[in-house]
């Protein structure tokens, strides 16, 4: 696995052994994701279920100013820190349950929250609840879920609406924004 674009292009990324622990996002999905969102120098990006940190590292490589990583798995957090050291970046990395992380980052003003939970994860509505409750996302911000292609999420959760869905092999990306009709 590697960073595919930006100032750290082609930098190899360490991952955890075994896909039952983390599922590295394939290059095709990363490329599709970053071709649909805009990363600027003042972009704030949260990689909520970060695994190896590959998505957050990609956002960092493409110029995002604020990138925060979180994973509940302690070994994943160690890998994220090693990957950040490879690119000589010092960023916030948390080893928290997603609810605790969202509470800690309240009023965080993130432009994007990338959410790639384990396939067995079932409480998606809780993510929307905590993001809303703690005002983690900017008003125009976007939540992007990477899920297995057969995972069904609602078109609406609270004030968030699904506005784009793209399939890539065994995965799909779901894009939600606040207040869309």
Protein backbone atom coordinates (compact mmCIF):
# COMPACT_ATOMS: atom_id res chain seq x y z
CA UNK A 1 0.00 0.00 0.00
CA UNK A 2 1.17 3.52 -0.77
CA UNK A 3 0.16 7.18 -0.88
CA UNK A 4 -1.06 7.76 -4.44
CA UNK A 5 -0.83 11.54 -4.95
CA UNK A 6 0.48 14.79 -3.52
CA UNK A 7 3.72 15.69 -1.81
CA UNK A 8 4.16 12.20 -0.31
CA UNK A 9 3.24 10.36 -3.52
CA UNK A 10 4.57 6.77 -3.71
CA UNK A 11 5.48 6.67 -0.01
CA UNK A 12 4.85 3.11 1.22
CA UNK A 13 2.35 2.77 4.06
CA UNK A 14 2.63 0.15 6.77
CA UNK A 15 -0.56 -1.83 7.51
CA UNK A 16 -1.63 -4.28 10.17
CA UNK A 17 -1.50 -7.95 9.31
CA UNK A 18 -4.84 -9.61 8.72
CA UNK A 19 -7.90 -8.03 7.13
CA UNK A 20 -10.01 -9.05 10.12
CA UNK A 21 -8.26 -6.22 11.99
CA UNK A 22 -8.24 -3.55 9.28
CA UNK A 23 -9.16 -3.50 5.59
CA UNK A 24 -6.80 -1.29 3.63
CA UNK A 25 -8.68 0.93 1.17
CA UNK A 26 -7.71 0.00 -2.36
CA UNK A 27 -6.02 2.60 -4.58
CA UNK A 28 -9.02 2.63 -6.94
CA UNK A 29 -11.34 3.66 -4.09
CA UNK A 30 -8.87 6.25 -2.77
CA UNK A 31 -8.49 7.79 -6.20
CA UNK A 32 -12.26 7.89 -6.68
CA UNK A 33 -12.77 9.44 -3.24
CA UNK A 34 -10.23 12.21 -3.73
CA UNK A 35 -11.46 12.98 -7.22
CA UNK A 36 -14.90 13.79 -5.74
CA UNK A 37 -13.82 16.04 -2.86
CA UNK A 38 -11.73 19.20 -2.75
CA UNK A 39 -8.69 19.39 -0.52
CA UNK A 40 -7.34 22.89 0.10
CA UNK A 41 -4.65 24.21 2.40
CA UNK A 42 -7.26 25.06 5.05
CA UNK A 43 -9.11 21.73 4.83
CA UNK A 44 -9.84 19.91 8.11
CA UNK A 45 -10.15 16.12 7.71
CA UNK A 46 -11.06 13.47 10.29
CA UNK A 47 -10.22 9.81 9.63
CA UNK A 48 -12.53 8.31 12.28
CA UNK A 49 -11.85 4.56 11.92
CA UNK A 50 -8.35 5.13 10.58
CA UNK A 51 -6.80 1.65 10.52
CA UNK A 52 -3.37 2.27 8.98
CA UNK A 53 -4.25 5.94 8.43
CA UNK A 54 -4.03 5.65 4.65
CA UNK A 55 -7.00 7.93 3.93
CA UNK A 56 -5.89 10.63 6.37
CA UNK A 57 -2.33 10.38 5.02
CA UNK A 58 -3.68 10.81 1.50
CA UNK A 59 -5.56 13.95 2.60
CA UNK A 60 -2.38 15.23 4.27
CA UNK A 61 -0.31 14.51 1.17
CA UNK A 62 -2.82 16.41 -0.96
CA UNK A 63 -2.50 19.50 1.23
CA UNK A 64 -5.07 19.30 4.04
CA UNK A 65 -3.99 21.55 6.90
CA UNK A 66 -5.65 19.70 9.77
CA UNK A 67 -5.82 15.91 9.68
CA UNK A 68 -6.88 13.94 12.76
CA UNK A 69 -6.68 10.16 13.04
CA UNK A 70 -8.62 7.86 15.37
CA UNK A 71 -8.77 4.12 15.82
CA UNK A 72 -9.85 1.97 18.74
CA UNK A 73 -7.18 -0.66 18.03
CA UNK A 74 -3.91 0.16 19.84
CA UNK A 75 -1.83 -1.63 17.22
CA UNK A 76 -3.50 0.44 14.47
CA UNK A 77 -2.60 3.62 16.36
CA UNK A 78 1.04 2.49 16.53
CA UNK A 79 1.02 1.90 12.75
CA UNK A 80 -0.53 5.35 12.15
CA UNK A 81 2.21 6.96 14.23
CA UNK A 82 4.90 5.06 12.30
CA UNK A 83 3.35 6.11 8.98
CA UNK A 84 3.25 9.73 10.12
CA UNK A 85 6.91 9.50 11.15
CA UNK A 86 7.75 8.25 7.64
CA UNK A 87 6.42 11.48 6.16
CA UNK A 88 7.79 13.54 9.06
CA UNK A 89 4.38 14.81 10.17
CA UNK A 90 3.15 15.28 13.72
CA UNK A 91 -0.66 15.08 13.87
CA UNK A 92 -3.34 14.32 16.42
CA UNK A 93 -3.83 10.56 16.76
CA UNK A 94 -6.41 9.17 19.15
CA UNK A 95 -7.01 5.68 20.49
CA UNK A 96 -10.68 6.16 21.37
CA UNK A 97 -14.07 4.66 20.76
CA UNK A 98 -15.71 6.71 17.98
CA UNK A 99 -18.25 8.29 20.39
CA UNK A 100 -15.48 9.45 22.72
CA UNK A 101 -13.46 10.76 19.78
CA UNK A 102 -16.39 12.77 18.41
CA UNK A 103 -17.06 14.20 21.88
CA UNK A 104 -13.38 15.15 22.26
CA UNK A 105 -13.43 16.87 18.87
CA UNK A 106 -16.67 18.79 19.46
CA UNK A 107 -16.92 22.05 17.59
CA UNK A 108 -14.03 20.72 15.51
CA UNK A 109 -15.10 22.36 12.29
CA UNK A 110 -14.17 19.46 10.03
CA UNK A 111 -14.77 19.76 6.30
CA UNK A 112 -14.74 15.98 5.87
CA UNK A 113 -15.21 13.01 8.15
CA UNK A 114 -14.17 9.73 6.58
CA UNK A 115 -15.86 6.74 8.19
CA UNK A 116 -14.70 3.23 7.35
CA UNK A 117 -15.88 1.08 10.27
CA UNK A 118 -15.50 -2.70 10.51
CA UNK A 119 -17.93 -4.54 8.21
CA UNK A 120 -19.77 -5.92 11.26
CA UNK A 121 -20.50 -2.37 12.49
CA UNK A 122 -24.26 -1.78 12.74
CA UNK A 123 -24.92 1.49 14.57
CA UNK A 124 -24.45 4.00 11.77
CA UNK A 125 -27.25 6.19 13.12
CA UNK A 126 -25.15 6.76 16.26
CA UNK A 127 -22.40 8.35 14.18
CA UNK A 128 -24.86 10.87 12.72
CA UNK A 129 -26.22 11.54 16.21
CA UNK A 130 -22.80 12.24 17.77
CA UNK A 131 -21.53 14.27 14.81
CA UNK A 132 -24.64 16.44 15.10
CA UNK A 133 -24.70 16.60 18.91
CA UNK A 134 -21.07 17.68 19.17
CA UNK A 135 -20.99 19.89 16.03
CA UNK A 136 -17.95 18.09 14.71
CA UNK A 137 -18.69 18.85 11.05
CA UNK A 138 -18.85 22.30 9.43
CA UNK A 139 -22.24 23.37 8.10
CA UNK A 140 -21.16 22.59 4.51
CA UNK A 141 -19.11 19.57 5.58
CA UNK A 142 -19.41 16.06 4.21
CA UNK A 143 -19.45 12.67 5.89
CA UNK A 144 -18.16 9.88 3.66
CA UNK A 145 -18.79 6.25 4.56
CA UNK A 146 -16.86 3.38 3.03
CA UNK A 147 -18.94 0.25 3.43
CA UNK A 148 -19.29 -3.21 1.95
CA UNK A 149 -21.42 -3.06 -1.22
CA UNK A 150 -24.38 -4.89 0.37
CA UNK A 151 -24.55 -2.63 3.43
CA UNK A 152 -27.75 -0.60 3.38
CA UNK A 153 -27.86 2.82 5.01
CA UNK A 154 -30.85 5.15 5.08
CA UNK A 155 -31.10 8.11 2.72
CA UNK A 156 -31.65 10.36 5.76
CA UNK A 157 -30.35 10.48 9.30
CA UNK A 158 -31.39 13.46 11.38
CA UNK A 159 -30.59 16.51 9.23
CA UNK A 160 -28.12 14.60 7.02
CA UNK A 161 -29.07 13.47 3.51
CA UNK A 162 -27.39 11.01 1.18
CA UNK A 163 -26.49 12.88 -1.98
CA UNK A 164 -24.07 10.54 -3.73
CA UNK A 165 -23.39 6.81 -3.81
CA UNK A 166 -20.61 5.18 -5.83
CA UNK A 167 -19.75 1.48 -6.07
CA UNK A 168 -16.23 0.15 -6.53
CA UNK A 169 -16.03 -3.64 -6.63
CA UNK A 170 -16.84 -4.95 -3.16
CA UNK A 171 -17.06 -1.44 -1.65
CA UNK A 172 -19.20 1.62 -1.99
CA UNK A 173 -18.79 5.21 -0.88
CA UNK A 174 -21.79 7.06 0.56
CA UNK A 175 -21.70 10.87 0.82
CA UNK A 176 -23.91 12.73 3.31
CA UNK A 177 -24.43 16.45 3.83
CA UNK A 178 -26.58 18.43 6.17
CA UNK A 179 -29.80 20.07 5.02
CA UNK A 180 -30.05 18.82 1.44
CA UNK A 181 -33.53 18.32 0.04
